[in-house]
Amino acid sequence: MSIDRVKKIKIALIRRGWNQGDLSERLGISQAYLSLILSGRRNVPWIWMRIFEELGLPRSRGKGSKMADKAGSPTKKAAQPRGPGTLT
């Protein structure tokens, strides 16, 4: 979980005059569950996407981000082909 992502969310909440309870109501989840998500104790990709949509934030996949792709799984780098004579 990216600390920068949570900071952006907290800043967006403050700018709107919202708290976690306000956001959780808009998401249709409890404030306690939202707190677990923001603290990294629950990883629910579709809720992360909804949080960013609700707050009007870009869904960055920058360094440290674990935001899942549309299929709900982390993106992986493709294996690079190895030519003859290369070490593993």
C-alpha atoms as a PDB file:
ATOM      1  CA  MET A   1       0.000   0.000   0.000  1.00  0.00           C
ATOM      2  CA  SER A   2       1.349   3.396  -0.935  1.00  0.00           C
ATOM      3  CA  ILE A   3       1.557   5.999   1.810  1.00  0.00           C
ATOM      4  CA  ASP A   4       1.431   8.717  -0.874  1.00  0.00           C
ATOM      5  CA  ARG A   5      -1.908   7.351  -2.057  1.00  0.00           C
ATOM      6  CA  VAL A   6      -3.381   7.578   1.445  1.00  0.00           C
ATOM      7  CA  LYS A   7      -1.972  11.105   1.895  1.00  0.00           C
ATOM      8  CA  LYS A   8      -3.664  12.186  -1.350  1.00  0.00           C
ATOM      9  CA  ILE A   9      -6.942  10.747  -0.110  1.00  0.00           C
ATOM     10  CA  LYS A  10      -6.657  12.491   3.265  1.00  0.00           C
ATOM     11  CA  ILE A  11      -5.858  15.816   1.586  1.00  0.00           C
ATOM     12  CA  ALA A  12      -8.839  15.408  -0.773  1.00  0.00           C
ATOM     13  CA  LEU A  13     -11.114  14.651   2.192  1.00  0.00           C
ATOM     14  CA  ILE A  14      -9.930  17.771   4.048  1.00  0.00           C
ATOM     15  CA  ARG A  15     -10.416  19.963   0.973  1.00  0.00           C
ATOM     16  CA  ARG A  16     -13.994  18.758   0.677  1.00  0.00           C
ATOM     17  CA  GLY A  17     -14.665  19.062   4.395  1.00  0.00           C
ATOM     18  CA  TRP A  18     -15.344  15.322   4.556  1.00  0.00           C
ATOM     19  CA  ASN A  19     -14.249  12.673   7.004  1.00  0.00           C
ATOM     20  CA  GLN A  20     -13.962   8.903   6.609  1.00  0.00           C
ATOM     21  CA  GLY A  21     -17.597   8.520   7.620  1.00  0.00           C
ATOM     22  CA  ASP A  22     -18.739  10.791   4.781  1.00  0.00           C
ATOM     23  CA  LEU A  23     -16.648   8.911   2.226  1.00  0.00           C
ATOM     24  CA  SER A  24     -17.698   5.498   3.528  1.00  0.00           C
ATOM     25  CA  GLU A  25     -21.387   6.471   3.167  1.00  0.00           C
ATOM     26  CA  ARG A  26     -20.800   7.435  -0.457  1.00  0.00           C
ATOM     27  CA  LEU A  27     -18.990   4.121  -1.041  1.00  0.00           C
ATOM     28  CA  GLY A  28     -21.676   2.065   0.690  1.00  0.00           C
ATOM     29  CA  ILE A  29     -19.290   0.568   3.252  1.00  0.00           C
ATOM     30  CA  SER A  30     -18.782   1.110   6.964  1.00  0.00           C
ATOM     31  CA  GLN A  31     -16.307   3.657   8.266  1.00  0.00           C
ATOM     32  CA  ALA A  32     -14.514   0.853  10.127  1.00  0.00           C
ATOM     33  CA  TYR A  33     -14.043  -1.108   6.881  1.00  0.00           C
ATOM     34  CA  LEU A  34     -12.786   2.009   5.067  1.00  0.00           C
ATOM     35  CA  SER A  35     -10.293   2.530   7.884  1.00  0.00           C
ATOM     36  CA  LEU A  36      -9.014  -1.033   7.435  1.00  0.00           C
ATOM     37  CA  ILE A  37      -8.575  -0.418   3.699  1.00  0.00           C
ATOM     38  CA  LEU A  38      -6.743   2.887   4.162  1.00  0.00           C
ATOM     39  CA  SER A  39      -4.450   1.371   6.806  1.00  0.00           C
ATOM     40  CA  GLY A  40      -3.485  -1.468   4.459  1.00  0.00           C
ATOM     41  CA  ARG A  41      -5.100  -4.234   6.506  1.00  0.00           C
ATOM     42  CA  ARG A  42      -7.564  -4.972   3.685  1.00  0.00           C
ATOM     43  CA  ASN A  43      -6.768  -4.871  -0.036  1.00  0.00           C
ATOM     44  CA  VAL A  44      -9.917  -4.391  -2.088  1.00  0.00           C
ATOM     45  CA  PRO A  45      -8.962  -3.073  -5.569  1.00  0.00           C
ATOM     46  CA  TRP A  46     -12.489  -2.140  -6.656  1.00  0.00           C
ATOM     47  CA  ILE A  47     -12.950  -0.004  -3.533  1.00  0.00           C
ATOM     48  CA  TRP A  48      -9.634   1.771  -4.182  1.00  0.00           C
ATOM     49  CA  MET A  49     -10.926   2.619  -7.657  1.00  0.00           C
ATOM     50  CA  ARG A  50     -14.229   3.867  -6.199  1.00  0.00           C
ATOM     51  CA  ILE A  51     -12.397   6.002  -3.615  1.00  0.00           C
ATOM     52  CA  PHE A  52     -10.381   7.711  -6.332  1.00  0.00           C
ATOM     53  CA  GLU A  53     -13.482   8.189  -8.504  1.00  0.00           C
ATOM     54  CA  GLU A  54     -15.490   9.626  -5.613  1.00  0.00           C
ATOM     55  CA  LEU A  55     -12.713  12.084  -4.741  1.00  0.00           C
ATOM     56  CA  GLY A  56     -11.916  12.961  -8.361  1.00  0.00           C
ATOM     57  CA  LEU A  57      -8.311  11.775  -8.053  1.00  0.00           C
ATOM     58  CA  PRO A  58      -6.289  10.151 -10.856  1.00  0.00           C
ATOM     59  CA  ARG A  59      -5.714   6.434 -10.345  1.00  0.00           C
ATOM     60  CA  SER A  60      -1.943   6.443 -10.520  1.00  0.00           C
ATOM     61  CA  ARG A  61       0.095   3.261 -10.746  1.00  0.00           C
ATOM     62  CA  GLY A  62       3.325   4.967  -9.798  1.00  0.00           C
ATOM     63  CA  LYS A  63       6.158   3.613  -7.708  1.00  0.00           C
ATOM     64  CA  GLY A  64       4.890   1.787  -4.645  1.00  0.00           C
ATOM     65  CA  SER A  65       1.337   1.508  -5.907  1.00  0.00           C
ATOM     66  CA  LYS A  66      -0.434  -1.834  -5.715  1.00  0.00           C
ATOM     67  CA  MET A  67      -3.443  -0.695  -7.711  1.00  0.00           C
ATOM     68  CA  ALA A  68      -4.757  -3.696  -9.612  1.00  0.00           C
ATOM     69  CA  ASP A  69      -5.563  -3.802 -13.291  1.00  0.00           C
ATOM     70  CA  LYS A  70      -9.097  -4.273 -14.652  1.00  0.00           C
ATOM     71  CA  ALA A  71      -8.921  -8.021 -14.050  1.00  0.00           C
ATOM     72  CA  GLY A  72      -8.192  -7.420 -10.376  1.00  0.00           C
ATOM     73  CA  SER A  73      -4.675  -8.828 -10.373  1.00  0.00           C
ATOM     74  CA  PRO A  74      -1.367  -6.976 -10.149  1.00  0.00           C
ATOM     75  CA  THR A  75       0.350  -6.264 -13.433  1.00  0.00           C
ATOM     76  CA  LYS A  76       3.440  -8.324 -14.235  1.00  0.00           C
ATOM     77  CA  LYS A  77       6.368  -7.737 -16.521  1.00  0.00           C
ATOM     78  CA  ALA A  78       6.588 -10.059 -19.516  1.00  0.00           C
ATOM     79  CA  ALA A  79       9.491 -12.497 -19.501  1.00  0.00           C
ATOM     80  CA  GLN A  80      12.335 -11.424 -21.753  1.00  0.00           C
ATOM     81  CA  PRO A  81      13.574 -14.000 -24.267  1.00  0.00           C
ATOM     82  CA  ARG A  82      17.115 -15.188 -23.697  1.00  0.00           C
ATOM     83  CA  GLY A  83      19.479 -15.848 -26.510  1.00  0.00           C
ATOM     84  CA  PRO A  84      22.128 -18.538 -26.762  1.00  0.00           C
ATOM     85  CA  GLY A  85      25.080 -18.014 -24.487  1.00  0.00           C
ATOM     86  CA  THR A  86      23.266 -15.830 -21.954  1.00  0.00           C
ATOM     87  CA  LEU A  87      23.364 -16.640 -18.308  1.00  0.00           C
ATOM     88  CA  THR A  88      20.201 -17.077 -16.273  1.00  0.00           C
END
